[in-house]
């Protein structure tokens, strides 16, 4: 499991960096760390939406859907041994 977490960390963090630049026009460390912490704590999507609404406003639900989709496919890659 720790090895899977390392792979997950290496894929999700860069994705969040890219998204923070796309959505906020800059690298936003606080945003990235907040999302990583929420994921580490295994928070459900609705909870994540509630925590990010003040930061992302109208884009929050779309962001969380994209995040969940990204995580799902990353998990499939790990299970298939492609990561």
Protein backbone atom coordinates (compact mmCIF):
# COMPACT_ATOMS: atom_id res chain seq x y z
CA UNK A 1 0.00 0.00 0.00
CA UNK A 2 2.73 2.58 0.75
CA UNK A 3 4.14 2.02 -2.76
CA UNK A 4 0.69 2.73 -4.24
CA UNK A 5 0.48 5.91 -2.17
CA UNK A 6 3.84 7.07 -3.54
CA UNK A 7 2.60 6.54 -7.09
CA UNK A 8 -0.63 8.31 -6.23
CA UNK A 9 1.31 11.23 -4.72
CA UNK A 10 3.49 11.47 -7.82
CA UNK A 11 0.49 11.65 -10.16
CA UNK A 12 -2.11 13.65 -8.22
CA UNK A 13 0.17 16.44 -7.00
CA UNK A 14 1.36 17.40 -10.53
CA UNK A 15 -2.24 17.23 -11.76
CA UNK A 16 -3.29 19.59 -8.97
CA UNK A 17 -0.42 21.93 -9.83
CA UNK A 18 -1.57 22.04 -13.44
CA UNK A 19 -5.18 22.66 -12.38
CA UNK A 20 -4.21 25.41 -9.95
CA UNK A 21 -2.36 27.22 -12.74
CA UNK A 22 -5.28 26.73 -15.15
CA UNK A 23 -7.92 27.89 -12.70
CA UNK A 24 -6.08 30.50 -10.63
CA UNK A 25 -3.38 31.59 -13.09
CA UNK A 26 -0.63 30.67 -10.64
CA UNK A 27 0.84 27.83 -8.61
CA UNK A 28 -1.27 27.83 -5.46
CA UNK A 29 0.50 25.72 -2.78
CA UNK A 30 -2.23 26.21 -0.19
CA UNK A 31 -4.83 24.84 -2.61
CA UNK A 32 -2.65 21.85 -3.54
CA UNK A 33 -1.87 20.99 0.09
CA UNK A 34 -5.52 21.37 1.10
CA UNK A 35 -6.72 19.00 -1.61
CA UNK A 36 -3.96 16.48 -0.85
CA UNK A 37 -4.88 16.56 2.85
CA UNK A 38 -8.58 16.07 2.08
CA UNK A 39 -7.71 13.10 -0.12
CA UNK A 40 -5.31 11.67 2.46
CA UNK A 41 -8.10 11.90 5.04
CA UNK A 42 -10.37 10.05 2.58
CA UNK A 43 -12.99 12.79 2.62
CA UNK A 44 -16.06 12.24 0.39
CA UNK A 45 -16.64 14.43 -2.68
CA UNK A 46 -19.42 16.50 -1.07
CA UNK A 47 -17.13 17.39 1.81
CA UNK A 48 -14.34 18.36 -0.58
CA UNK A 49 -16.77 20.56 -2.51
CA UNK A 50 -17.78 22.33 0.70
CA UNK A 51 -14.13 23.00 1.61
CA UNK A 52 -13.17 24.29 -1.83
CA UNK A 53 -16.20 26.43 -2.69
CA UNK A 54 -14.71 29.60 -1.23
CA UNK A 55 -11.56 29.12 -3.30
CA UNK A 56 -12.99 27.90 -6.60
CA UNK A 57 -16.52 29.30 -6.41
CA UNK A 58 -18.62 28.24 -9.43
CA UNK A 59 -15.94 25.83 -10.72
CA UNK A 60 -15.86 23.69 -7.58
CA UNK A 61 -18.21 20.87 -8.59
CA UNK A 62 -16.63 20.53 -12.02
CA UNK A 63 -13.18 20.47 -10.44
CA UNK A 64 -14.14 17.74 -7.94
CA UNK A 65 -15.72 15.66 -10.74
CA UNK A 66 -12.50 15.97 -12.75
CA UNK A 67 -10.43 15.11 -9.68
CA UNK A 68 -12.48 12.02 -8.96
CA UNK A 69 -12.30 10.92 -12.61
CA UNK A 70 -8.52 11.42 -12.60
CA UNK A 71 -8.11 9.43 -9.37
CA UNK A 72 -10.31 6.62 -10.68
CA UNK A 73 -8.19 6.21 -13.81
CA UNK A 74 -4.96 6.43 -11.84
CA UNK A 75 -6.20 3.65 -9.58
CA UNK A 76 -7.04 1.53 -12.62
CA UNK A 77 -3.50 2.07 -13.93
CA UNK A 78 -2.04 1.00 -10.57
CA UNK A 79 -4.19 -2.13 -10.47
CA UNK A 80 -3.21 -3.00 -14.02
CA UNK A 81 0.46 -2.49 -13.20
CA UNK A 82 0.79 0.40 -15.64
CA UNK A 83 1.94 2.95 -13.08
